[in-house]
Structures are given as structure tokens and as C-alpha cells.
N, C-alpha and C. Protein backbone atom coordinates (compact mmCIF):
# COMPACT_ATOMS: atom_id res chain seq x y z
N MET A 1 12.26 -26.90 -77.49
CA MET A 1 11.38 -25.91 -77.37
C MET A 1 9.90 -26.49 -77.34
N VAL A 2 9.20 -25.69 -76.75
CA VAL A 2 7.62 -26.23 -76.59
C VAL A 2 6.89 -24.99 -77.29
N ARG A 3 5.93 -25.05 -78.25
CA ARG A 3 5.01 -24.19 -78.73
C ARG A 3 3.82 -24.19 -77.79
N VAL A 4 3.28 -23.15 -77.37
CA VAL A 4 2.23 -22.88 -76.56
C VAL A 4 1.15 -22.01 -77.41
N LEU A 5 -0.02 -22.57 -77.60
CA LEU A 5 -1.18 -21.74 -78.31
C LEU A 5 -2.44 -21.78 -77.46
N SER A 6 -2.85 -20.36 -77.73
CA SER A 6 -3.97 -20.19 -76.94
C SER A 6 -5.23 -20.41 -78.00
N VAL A 7 -6.13 -21.37 -77.66
CA VAL A 7 -7.07 -21.58 -78.68
C VAL A 7 -8.14 -20.62 -78.89
N SER A 8 -8.38 -19.72 -77.84
CA SER A 8 -9.40 -18.50 -78.06
C SER A 8 -8.87 -17.30 -78.69
N THR A 9 -7.53 -17.16 -78.66
CA THR A 9 -7.03 -16.08 -79.42
C THR A 9 -6.16 -16.26 -80.58
N ALA A 10 -5.59 -17.46 -80.65
CA ALA A 10 -4.76 -17.88 -81.67
C ALA A 10 -3.19 -17.46 -81.19
N GLU A 11 -3.04 -16.84 -80.31
CA GLU A 11 -1.82 -16.39 -79.87
C GLU A 11 -0.82 -17.38 -79.61
N ARG A 12 0.57 -17.33 -79.93
CA ARG A 12 1.47 -18.33 -79.70
C ARG A 12 2.79 -17.79 -79.03
N THR A 13 3.38 -18.62 -78.39
CA THR A 13 4.80 -18.39 -77.93
C THR A 13 5.56 -19.70 -77.90
N LEU A 14 6.91 -19.47 -77.69
CA LEU A 14 7.81 -20.63 -77.47
C LEU A 14 8.35 -20.53 -76.25
N LEU A 15 8.34 -21.72 -75.49
CA LEU A 15 9.17 -21.96 -74.06
C LEU A 15 10.54 -22.49 -74.50
N LYS A 16 11.65 -21.82 -74.12
CA LYS A 16 12.92 -22.40 -74.50
C LYS A 16 13.75 -22.54 -73.18
N GLY A 17 14.98 -22.93 -73.47
CA GLY A 17 15.87 -23.22 -72.42
C GLY A 17 16.24 -24.46 -71.82
N PHE A 18 15.63 -25.40 -72.89
CA PHE A 18 15.92 -26.83 -72.68
C PHE A 18 17.12 -27.30 -73.28
N THR A 19 17.88 -28.28 -72.48
CA THR A 19 19.16 -28.96 -73.03
C THR A 19 18.64 -30.14 -73.86
N GLY A 20 18.87 -30.35 -75.03
CA GLY A 20 18.45 -31.22 -75.96
C GLY A 20 16.99 -31.22 -76.22
N GLY A 21 16.28 -32.29 -76.49
CA GLY A 21 15.08 -32.36 -76.77
C GLY A 21 13.99 -32.41 -75.55
N VAL A 22 12.82 -31.93 -75.66
CA VAL A 22 11.73 -32.38 -74.54
C VAL A 22 11.13 -33.72 -74.48
N ALA A 23 11.70 -34.40 -73.36
CA ALA A 23 11.38 -35.85 -73.23
C ALA A 23 9.78 -36.05 -72.73
N ASP A 24 9.43 -35.08 -71.93
CA ASP A 24 8.00 -35.41 -71.52
C ASP A 24 7.58 -34.07 -71.12
N LEU A 25 6.02 -33.88 -71.14
CA LEU A 25 5.36 -32.64 -70.61
C LEU A 25 4.09 -33.12 -70.35
N ALA A 26 3.49 -32.32 -69.31
CA ALA A 26 2.15 -32.38 -68.92
C ALA A 26 1.60 -31.25 -67.92
N PHE A 27 0.31 -30.69 -68.32
CA PHE A 27 -0.29 -29.91 -67.45
C PHE A 27 -0.60 -30.50 -66.08
N ALA A 28 -0.69 -29.74 -65.02
CA ALA A 28 -0.90 -30.19 -63.65
C ALA A 28 -2.27 -30.87 -63.57
N HIS A 29 -3.27 -30.36 -64.20
CA HIS A 29 -4.60 -31.03 -64.22
C HIS A 29 -5.35 -30.36 -65.38
N LEU A 30 -6.52 -30.81 -65.66
CA LEU A 30 -7.16 -30.34 -66.82
C LEU A 30 -7.31 -28.91 -67.16
N ASN A 31 -7.49 -28.18 -66.24
CA ASN A 31 -7.84 -26.61 -66.46
C ASN A 31 -6.53 -25.84 -65.86
N SER A 32 -5.41 -26.64 -65.83
CA SER A 32 -4.33 -25.85 -65.19
C SER A 32 -3.80 -25.00 -66.05
N ASN A 33 -3.00 -24.12 -65.28
CA ASN A 33 -1.91 -23.06 -66.17
C ASN A 33 -0.66 -23.39 -65.78
N GLN A 34 -0.33 -24.41 -65.24
CA GLN A 34 1.02 -25.07 -64.90
C GLN A 34 1.39 -26.01 -65.56
N LEU A 35 2.44 -25.84 -66.54
CA LEU A 35 2.84 -26.92 -67.52
C LEU A 35 4.40 -27.34 -67.02
N ALA A 36 4.59 -28.76 -66.80
CA ALA A 36 5.63 -29.33 -66.56
C ALA A 36 6.42 -29.85 -67.54
N CYS A 37 7.66 -29.60 -67.82
CA CYS A 37 8.33 -30.22 -68.93
C CYS A 37 9.73 -30.71 -68.65
N LEU A 38 10.14 -31.88 -68.88
CA LEU A 38 11.36 -32.53 -68.44
C LEU A 38 12.10 -32.65 -70.01
N ASP A 39 13.45 -32.17 -69.91
CA ASP A 39 14.39 -32.36 -70.95
C ASP A 39 15.03 -33.59 -70.94
N GLU A 40 15.90 -33.88 -72.09
CA GLU A 40 16.65 -34.96 -72.20
C GLU A 40 17.90 -35.13 -71.18
N ALA A 41 18.28 -34.08 -70.58
CA ALA A 41 19.30 -33.78 -69.57
C ALA A 41 18.73 -34.19 -68.04
N GLY A 42 17.31 -34.34 -68.08
CA GLY A 42 16.84 -34.50 -66.72
C GLY A 42 16.45 -33.22 -66.10
N ASN A 43 16.50 -31.99 -66.83
CA ASN A 43 16.18 -30.78 -66.04
C ASN A 43 14.52 -30.83 -66.00
N LEU A 44 13.95 -30.33 -64.95
CA LEU A 44 12.59 -30.16 -64.86
C LEU A 44 12.29 -28.67 -64.68
N PHE A 45 11.47 -28.27 -65.70
CA PHE A 45 10.96 -27.06 -65.70
C PHE A 45 9.39 -27.00 -65.38
N VAL A 46 8.80 -26.01 -64.51
CA VAL A 46 7.42 -25.98 -64.39
C VAL A 46 7.09 -24.35 -64.77
N TRP A 47 6.44 -24.39 -65.62
CA TRP A 47 5.93 -22.88 -66.34
C TRP A 47 4.53 -22.57 -65.87
N ARG A 48 4.44 -21.48 -65.45
CA ARG A 48 3.24 -20.96 -65.15
C ARG A 48 2.65 -19.96 -66.15
N LEU A 49 1.62 -20.36 -67.07
CA LEU A 49 1.21 -19.63 -68.22
C LEU A 49 -0.20 -18.59 -67.92
N ALA A 50 -0.25 -17.54 -68.61
CA ALA A 50 -1.35 -16.75 -68.30
C ALA A 50 -1.36 -15.83 -69.47
N MET A 51 -2.71 -15.39 -69.71
CA MET A 51 -3.07 -14.46 -70.70
C MET A 51 -3.16 -13.13 -70.23
N ASP A 52 -2.54 -12.07 -70.66
CA ASP A 52 -2.48 -10.73 -70.49
C ASP A 52 -2.40 -9.83 -71.57
N LYS A 53 -3.45 -9.12 -71.89
CA LYS A 53 -3.80 -8.16 -72.98
C LYS A 53 -3.41 -8.87 -74.32
N GLU A 54 -4.22 -10.12 -74.47
CA GLU A 54 -4.16 -10.84 -75.59
C GLU A 54 -2.61 -11.46 -75.88
N LYS A 55 -1.94 -11.57 -75.02
CA LYS A 55 -0.56 -12.14 -75.03
C LYS A 55 -0.32 -13.20 -74.16
N ILE A 56 0.26 -14.29 -74.47
CA ILE A 56 0.61 -15.31 -73.45
C ILE A 56 2.04 -14.98 -72.57
N GLN A 57 1.59 -14.93 -71.41
CA GLN A 57 2.79 -14.54 -70.38
C GLN A 57 3.29 -15.72 -69.79
N TYR A 58 4.57 -16.06 -69.48
CA TYR A 58 5.08 -17.15 -68.67
C TYR A 58 6.20 -16.87 -68.01
N LEU A 59 6.17 -17.66 -66.78
CA LEU A 59 7.19 -17.50 -65.91
C LEU A 59 7.58 -19.08 -65.27
N VAL A 60 8.99 -19.12 -65.12
CA VAL A 60 9.45 -20.31 -64.84
C VAL A 60 9.43 -20.43 -63.31
N LYS A 61 8.67 -21.32 -62.72
CA LYS A 61 8.38 -21.31 -61.32
C LYS A 61 9.49 -22.14 -60.62
N ILE A 62 9.88 -23.33 -61.33
CA ILE A 62 10.83 -24.16 -60.75
C ILE A 62 11.72 -24.56 -61.64
N LEU A 63 12.92 -24.54 -61.45
CA LEU A 63 13.89 -25.57 -62.35
C LEU A 63 14.69 -26.34 -61.44
N LEU A 64 14.69 -27.49 -61.73
CA LEU A 64 15.42 -28.78 -60.99
C LEU A 64 16.28 -29.28 -61.91
N VAL A 65 17.64 -29.18 -61.65
CA VAL A 65 18.77 -29.65 -62.29
C VAL A 65 19.35 -30.83 -61.63
N PRO A 66 19.31 -32.20 -62.18
CA PRO A 66 20.11 -33.12 -61.49
C PRO A 66 21.51 -33.14 -61.39
N VAL A 67 21.93 -33.65 -60.19
CA VAL A 67 23.41 -33.49 -59.67
C VAL A 67 23.89 -34.94 -59.54
N PHE A 68 24.91 -35.22 -60.35
CA PHE A 68 25.44 -36.46 -60.44
C PHE A 68 26.74 -36.52 -59.69
N VAL A 69 27.05 -37.42 -58.77
CA VAL A 69 28.16 -37.58 -57.91
C VAL A 69 28.85 -38.82 -58.20
């Protein structure tokens, strides 16, 4: 899980759906609302975060799942 916190309103939310722990995460750039998270299984999630009526809203834009053959 990843906890997201708004510094302006102290609103918080949890991003879930990972397999195992979160191995790495990063925002696209300094003032970005896009957060990429990689879990221990190699799944890549890209979340779009936004504030709406003092609540943090989020949407998974991309989910890449590794395929092993």
C-alpha cells in the first residue's frame, strides 16, 4: 500500500492493489500528479491523483503486468 497525503488539506488516502511490497515509486516530475509504483512482482501502476471537494481522487492509468514465458 502507498499512503498519499495532501499537505494543503491533510486529506489522506491509500493506494492498494499491489502484489507484495512496493519496490519503488516516483512522481513524473516535481509538480506532477502522476505517480508510478512498482511492486515486488514487477507490476507497474501509474496513478493520476487529483483533489476534488477536499478529497483525494485517484485513477489507475496504466497497469503493466510482466509475462514470463
